[in-house]
Amino acid sequence: SFSPNPVTPPAGGSAGSTLSVTTAAS
């Protein structure tokens, strides 16, 4: 999952989002 999503960068700048990845025991 991403947080936040969507992302809106400012003109001439950048914006980030955290991608969280979770795995199962299987």
PDB file of all heavy atoms in Angstrom:
ATOM      1  N   SER A   1       0.850  -1.187   0.000  1.00  0.00           N
ATOM      2  CA  SER A   1       0.000   0.000   0.000  1.00  0.00           C
ATOM      3  C   SER A   1       0.888   1.240   0.000  1.00  0.00           C
ATOM      4  O   SER A   1       2.043   1.192   0.440  1.00  0.00           O
ATOM      5  CB  SER A   1      -0.928   0.010   1.212  1.00  0.00           C
ATOM      6  OG  SER A   1      -0.178   0.083   2.408  1.00  0.00           O
ATOM      7  N   PHE A   2       0.336   2.338  -0.526  1.00  0.00           N
ATOM      8  CA  PHE A   2       1.030   3.623  -0.561  1.00  0.00           C
ATOM      9  C   PHE A   2       0.326   4.595   0.375  1.00  0.00           C
ATOM     10  O   PHE A   2      -0.895   4.605   0.467  1.00  0.00           O
ATOM     11  CB  PHE A   2       1.002   4.223  -1.978  1.00  0.00           C
ATOM     12  CG  PHE A   2       1.867   3.508  -2.962  1.00  0.00           C
ATOM     13  CD1 PHE A   2       1.346   2.509  -3.760  1.00  0.00           C
ATOM     14  CD2 PHE A   2       3.205   3.858  -3.107  1.00  0.00           C
ATOM     15  CE1 PHE A   2       2.136   1.856  -4.685  1.00  0.00           C
ATOM     16  CE2 PHE A   2       4.002   3.208  -4.027  1.00  0.00           C
ATOM     17  CZ  PHE A   2       3.469   2.203  -4.817  1.00  0.00           C
ATOM     18  N   SER A   3       1.111   5.435   1.022  1.00  0.00           N
ATOM     19  CA  SER A   3       0.542   6.497   1.850  1.00  0.00           C
ATOM     20  C   SER A   3       1.403   7.734   1.726  1.00  0.00           C
ATOM     21  O   SER A   3       2.580   7.695   2.083  1.00  0.00           O
ATOM     22  CB  SER A   3       0.475   6.059   3.316  1.00  0.00           C
ATOM     23  OG  SER A   3      -0.105   7.079   4.103  1.00  0.00           O
ATOM     24  N   PRO A   4       0.864   8.828   1.163  1.00  0.00           N
ATOM     25  CA  PRO A   4      -0.464   8.991   0.581  1.00  0.00           C
ATOM     26  C   PRO A   4      -0.512   8.462  -0.848  1.00  0.00           C
ATOM     27  O   PRO A   4       0.517   8.197  -1.454  1.00  0.00           O
ATOM     28  CB  PRO A   4      -0.660  10.509   0.588  1.00  0.00           C
ATOM     29  CG  PRO A   4       0.724  11.057   0.383  1.00  0.00           C
ATOM     30  CD  PRO A   4       1.620  10.090   1.126  1.00  0.00           C
ATOM     31  N   ASN A   5      -1.718   8.343  -1.353  1.00  0.00           N
ATOM     32  CA  ASN A   5      -1.941   7.951  -2.740  1.00  0.00           C
ATOM     33  C   ASN A   5      -3.303   8.480  -3.156  1.00  0.00           C
ATOM     34  O   ASN A   5      -4.293   8.088  -2.546  1.00  0.00           O
ATOM     35  CB  ASN A   5      -1.895   6.439  -2.901  1.00  0.00           C
ATOM     36  CG  ASN A   5      -1.794   5.997  -4.342  1.00  0.00           C
ATOM     37  OD1 ASN A   5      -1.500   6.781  -5.230  1.00  0.00           O
ATOM     38  ND2 ASN A   5      -2.046   4.720  -4.576  1.00  0.00           N
ATOM     39  N   PRO A   6      -3.391   9.374  -4.124  1.00  0.00           N
ATOM     40  CA  PRO A   6      -2.350   9.863  -5.032  1.00  0.00           C
ATOM     41  C   PRO A   6      -1.438  10.898  -4.372  1.00  0.00           C
ATOM     42  O   PRO A   6      -1.701  11.374  -3.270  1.00  0.00           O
ATOM     43  CB  PRO A   6      -3.157  10.492  -6.173  1.00  0.00           C
ATOM     44  CG  PRO A   6      -4.436  10.920  -5.553  1.00  0.00           C
ATOM     45  CD  PRO A   6      -4.717   9.908  -4.457  1.00  0.00           C
ATOM     46  N   VAL A   7      -0.370  11.231  -5.117  1.00  0.00           N
ATOM     47  CA  VAL A   7       0.628  12.209  -4.696  1.00  0.00           C
ATOM     48  C   VAL A   7       0.581  13.375  -5.680  1.00  0.00           C
ATOM     49  O   VAL A   7       0.513  13.157  -6.892  1.00  0.00           O
ATOM     50  CB  VAL A   7       2.042  11.584  -4.707  1.00  0.00           C
ATOM     51  CG1 VAL A   7       3.096  12.599  -4.377  1.00  0.00           C
ATOM     52  CG2 VAL A   7       2.105  10.414  -3.747  1.00  0.00           C
ATOM     53  N   THR A   8       0.634  14.601  -5.170  1.00  0.00           N
ATOM     54  CA  THR A   8       0.636  15.783  -6.038  1.00  0.00           C
ATOM     55  C   THR A   8       1.882  16.610  -5.739  1.00  0.00           C
ATOM     56  O   THR A   8       1.959  17.272  -4.701  1.00  0.00           O
ATOM     57  CB  THR A   8      -0.622  16.640  -5.821  1.00  0.00           C
ATOM     58  OG1 THR A   8      -1.774  15.823  -6.027  1.00  0.00           O
ATOM     59  CG2 THR A   8      -0.652  17.815  -6.784  1.00  0.00           C
ATOM     60  N   PRO A   9       2.877  16.575  -6.642  1.00  0.00           N
ATOM     61  CA  PRO A   9       4.079  17.381  -6.406  1.00  0.00           C
ATOM     62  C   PRO A   9       3.807  18.850  -6.714  1.00  0.00           C
ATOM     63  O   PRO A   9       3.000  19.163  -7.594  1.00  0.00           O
ATOM     64  CB  PRO A   9       5.091  16.801  -7.392  1.00  0.00           C
ATOM     65  CG  PRO A   9       4.246  16.322  -8.524  1.00  0.00           C
ATOM     66  CD  PRO A   9       2.963  15.826  -7.892  1.00  0.00           C
ATOM     67  N   PRO A  10       4.472  19.760  -6.011  1.00  0.00           N
ATOM     68  CA  PRO A  10       4.346  21.170  -6.383  1.00  0.00           C
ATOM     69  C   PRO A  10       5.108  21.421  -7.683  1.00  0.00           C
ATOM     70  O   PRO A  10       6.071  20.713  -7.990  1.00  0.00           O
ATOM     71  CB  PRO A  10       5.005  21.897  -5.211  1.00  0.00           C
ATOM     72  CG  PRO A  10       5.976  20.910  -4.648  1.00  0.00           C
ATOM     73  CD  PRO A  10       5.358  19.549  -4.879  1.00  0.00           C
ATOM     74  N   ALA A  11       4.674  22.406  -8.462  1.00  0.00           N
ATOM     75  CA  ALA A  11       5.370  22.749  -9.707  1.00  0.00           C
ATOM     76  C   ALA A  11       6.836  23.027  -9.383  1.00  0.00           C
ATOM     77  O   ALA A  11       7.144  23.811  -8.498  1.00  0.00           O
ATOM     78  CB  ALA A  11       4.727  23.961 -10.357  1.00  0.00           C
ATOM     79  N   GLY A  12       7.740  22.350 -10.067  1.00  0.00           N
ATOM     80  CA  GLY A  12       9.168  22.547  -9.857  1.00  0.00           C
ATOM     81  C   GLY A  12       9.723  21.833  -8.629  1.00  0.00           C
ATOM     82  O   GLY A  12      10.880  21.992  -8.287  1.00  0.00           O
ATOM     83  N   GLY A  13       8.913  21.006  -7.967  1.00  0.00           N
ATOM     84  CA  GLY A  13       9.363  20.318  -6.756  1.00  0.00           C
ATOM     85  C   GLY A  13       9.086  18.828  -6.832  1.00  0.00           C
ATOM     86  O   GLY A  13       8.896  18.263  -7.904  1.00  0.00           O
ATOM     87  N   SER A  14       9.047  18.201  -5.675  1.00  0.00           N
ATOM     88  CA  SER A  14       8.784  16.773  -5.620  1.00  0.00           C
ATOM     89  C   SER A  14       7.933  16.451  -4.400  1.00  0.00           C
ATOM     90  O   SER A  14       7.836  17.249  -3.474  1.00  0.00           O
ATOM     91  CB  SER A  14      10.093  15.980  -5.586  1.00  0.00           C
ATOM     92  OG  SER A  14      10.822  16.286  -4.418  1.00  0.00           O
ATOM     93  N   ALA A  15       7.328  15.273  -4.428  1.00  0.00           N
ATOM     94  CA  ALA A  15       6.514  14.799  -3.314  1.00  0.00           C
ATOM     95  C   ALA A  15       6.721  13.298  -3.188  1.00  0.00           C
ATOM     96  O   ALA A  15       6.925  12.610  -4.189  1.00  0.00           O
ATOM     97  CB  ALA A  15       5.045  15.123  -3.537  1.00  0.00           C
ATOM     98  N   GLY A  16       6.675  12.810  -1.965  1.00  0.00           N
ATOM     99  CA  GLY A  16       6.929  11.396  -1.730  1.00  0.00           C
ATOM    100  C   GLY A  16       5.743  10.669  -1.139  1.00  0.00           C
ATOM    101  O   GLY A  16       4.809  11.272  -0.612  1.00  0.00           O
ATOM    102  N   SER A  17       5.806   9.356  -1.260  1.00  0.00           N
ATOM    103  CA  SER A  17       4.811   8.465  -0.695  1.00  0.00           C
ATOM    104  C   SER A  17       5.547   7.245  -0.156  1.00  0.00           C
ATOM    105  O   SER A  17       6.533   6.801  -0.743  1.00  0.00           O
ATOM    106  CB  SER A  17       3.813   8.037  -1.777  1.00  0.00           C
ATOM    107  OG  SER A  17       2.846   7.150  -1.249  1.00  0.00           O
ATOM    108  N   THR A  18       5.071   6.718   0.961  1.00  0.00           N
ATOM    109  CA  THR A  18       5.680   5.529   1.538  1.00  0.00           C
ATOM    110  C   THR A  18       4.986   4.285   0.998  1.00  0.00           C
ATOM    111  O   THR A  18       3.764   4.154   1.094  1.00  0.00           O
ATOM    112  CB  THR A  18       5.578   5.546   3.073  1.00  0.00           C
ATOM    113  OG1 THR A  18       6.265   6.702   3.558  1.00  0.00           O
ATOM    114  CG2 THR A  18       6.187   4.300   3.688  1.00  0.00           C
ATOM    115  N   LEU A  19       5.782   3.389   0.415  1.00  0.00           N
ATOM    116  CA  LEU A  19       5.299   2.096  -0.058  1.00  0.00           C
ATOM    117  C   LEU A  19       5.584   1.086   1.038  1.00  0.00           C
ATOM    118  O   LEU A  19       6.750   0.840   1.367  1.00  0.00           O
ATOM    119  CB  LEU A  19       6.005   1.683  -1.353  1.00  0.00           C
ATOM    120  CG  LEU A  19       5.859   0.220  -1.790  1.00  0.00           C
ATOM    121  CD1 LEU A  19       4.401  -0.159  -2.014  1.00  0.00           C
ATOM    122  CD2 LEU A  19       6.694  -0.042  -3.034  1.00  0.00           C
ATOM    123  N   SER A  20       4.539   0.542   1.645  1.00  0.00           N
ATOM    124  CA  SER A  20       4.692  -0.490   2.678  1.00  0.00           C
ATOM    125  C   SER A  20       4.412  -1.843   2.062  1.00  0.00           C
ATOM    126  O   SER A  20       3.379  -2.040   1.425  1.00  0.00           O
ATOM    127  CB  SER A  20       3.722  -0.234   3.831  1.00  0.00           C
ATOM    128  OG  SER A  20       3.981   1.008   4.423  1.00  0.00           O
ATOM    129  N   VAL A  21       5.351  -2.779   2.245  1.00  0.00           N
ATOM    130  CA  VAL A  21       5.216  -4.131   1.713  1.00  0.00           C
ATOM    131  C   VAL A  21       5.206  -5.098   2.895  1.00  0.00           C
ATOM    132  O   VAL A  21       6.098  -5.059   3.743  1.00  0.00           O
ATOM    133  CB  VAL A  21       6.381  -4.487   0.757  1.00  0.00           C
ATOM    134  CG1 VAL A  21       6.272  -5.928   0.274  1.00  0.00           C
ATOM    135  CG2 VAL A  21       6.413  -3.521  -0.418  1.00  0.00           C
ATOM    136  N   THR A  22       4.182  -5.955   2.941  1.00  0.00           N
ATOM    137  CA  THR A  22       4.039  -6.944   4.005  1.00  0.00           C
ATOM    138  C   THR A  22       3.972  -8.326   3.378  1.00  0.00           C
ATOM    139  O   THR A  22       3.283  -8.523   2.374  1.00  0.00           O
ATOM    140  CB  THR A  22       2.749  -6.677   4.812  1.00  0.00           C
ATOM    141  OG1 THR A  22       2.800  -5.348   5.329  1.00  0.00           O
ATOM    142  CG2 THR A  22       2.605  -7.649   5.966  1.00  0.00           C
ATOM    143  N   THR A  23       4.692  -9.280   3.965  1.00  0.00           N
ATOM    144  CA  THR A  23       4.674 -10.650   3.459  1.00  0.00           C
ATOM    145  C   THR A  23       3.995 -11.557   4.479  1.00  0.00           C
ATOM    146  O   THR A  23       3.969 -11.271   5.674  1.00  0.00           O
ATOM    147  CB  THR A  23       6.095 -11.168   3.183  1.00  0.00           C
ATOM    148  OG1 THR A  23       6.840 -11.175   4.407  1.00  0.00           O
ATOM    149  CG2 THR A  23       6.807 -10.297   2.164  1.00  0.00           C
ATOM    150  N   ALA A  24       3.458 -12.672   3.995  1.00  0.00           N
ATOM    151  CA  ALA A  24       2.853 -13.680   4.864  1.00  0.00           C
ATOM    152  C   ALA A  24       3.903 -14.741   5.171  1.00  0.00           C
ATOM    153  O   ALA A  24       4.931 -14.826   4.489  1.00  0.00           O
ATOM    154  CB  ALA A  24       1.656 -14.311   4.158  1.00  0.00           C
ATOM    155  N   ALA A  25       3.639 -15.548   6.169  1.00  0.00           N
ATOM    156  CA  ALA A  25       4.550 -16.649   6.502  1.00  0.00           C
ATOM    157  C   ALA A  25       4.663 -17.613   5.325  1.00  0.00           C
ATOM    158  O   ALA A  25       5.673 -18.301   5.170  1.00  0.00           O
ATOM    159  CB  ALA A  25       4.060 -17.380   7.750  1.00  0.00           C
ATOM    160  N   SER A  26       3.637 -17.642   4.461  1.00  0.00           N
ATOM    161  CA  SER A  26       3.629 -18.547   3.306  1.00  0.00           C
ATOM    162  C   SER A  26       4.221 -17.929   2.039  1.00  0.00           C
ATOM    163  O   SER A  26       4.298 -18.595   1.007  1.00  0.00           O
ATOM    164  CB  SER A  26       2.187 -18.977   3.012  1.00  0.00           C
ATOM    165  OG  SER A  26       1.402 -17.831   2.693  1.00  0.00           O
TER     166      SER A  26
END
